[in-house]
Amino acid sequence: MSWFSHFLHSSIGQKLIMSLTGLFLILFLVVHLIGNFQLLAEDGGQAFNLYTKFMTSNPLIKTVSYGLYFFILLHTWQGISLWLKNRAARGSQGYAVKRTRAVGTSATLSSRMAWLGIIVFVFIVIHMVQFWLQMKLGNTTMVTYPGHEGEYKDLYSMVIAVFKNPAFVIFYVFSMYVIALHLWHGFQSSFQTLGLNHSKYTPSIKLIGKAYSILVPAGFAIIPVIVYLFR
């Protein structure tokens, strides 16, 4: 086994991968939220459908998307792997060693993050099946817009129909709450794992992380609520 492979399978290597993939997903959420806000435009879905056409046809964006799918799977796998490894390590201690408060707190946090991550992953799978898979299967109607050549998949109508379902709106808002909890710790933890700690900048990173973990999930959550109540 090479040193690189050994590093990737070590706890430090796995935490590093978790941090890097986590930061990539954090950046993606901002881009995705900007796109989702097009759903609120009073134009019959034109802005959103043009946006989705660009995101699904641009070669660079498509390449990044495939990387995103890989990073989501890798982030989830590494998170579960670390959780199981930590759990096994705690179990091997037996009852002879008295656990300290710090160790207990760390173990609780690790377990909580793992369960939150699993819930987020389940949400992503359901989200992908409802929208991405339906688009790939061709379960959409085609529309045209004046001044724009060709036909466009009417993903806007599909999303609006789903967001008119109160059960899914509740599930979506709850999932955003879970994502907020996951980000609350994960944002600053990613920088800490990468060694980007400094007495001058760490407080600002923590503040930005807390603001991000509230505002971005809230932005996602408010969209289906607005659609359900006013569309």
Foldseek 3Di string as FASTA:
>chain_A
DDPVVVLCPDPLNLLLLLLVLVVVVLVVLVVVLVLLCLLVDPPLQPSNQVVVVCCCPPPVNVVVVVVNVVSLVSNLVSLVVSLVVLVVVVVVVPPPDDDDPVSVVVNVVSVLLNVLSVLLVVVVVVVCVQQVVCVVVVVFDWDDDPPDDDITGRSSVSVLVQLLDVVVLVVLLVNLVSQLVNQLPSQLSSCVSVVVDDPVCSVVSNVVSNCSSPPSSVSRSVSSVCSNPPD
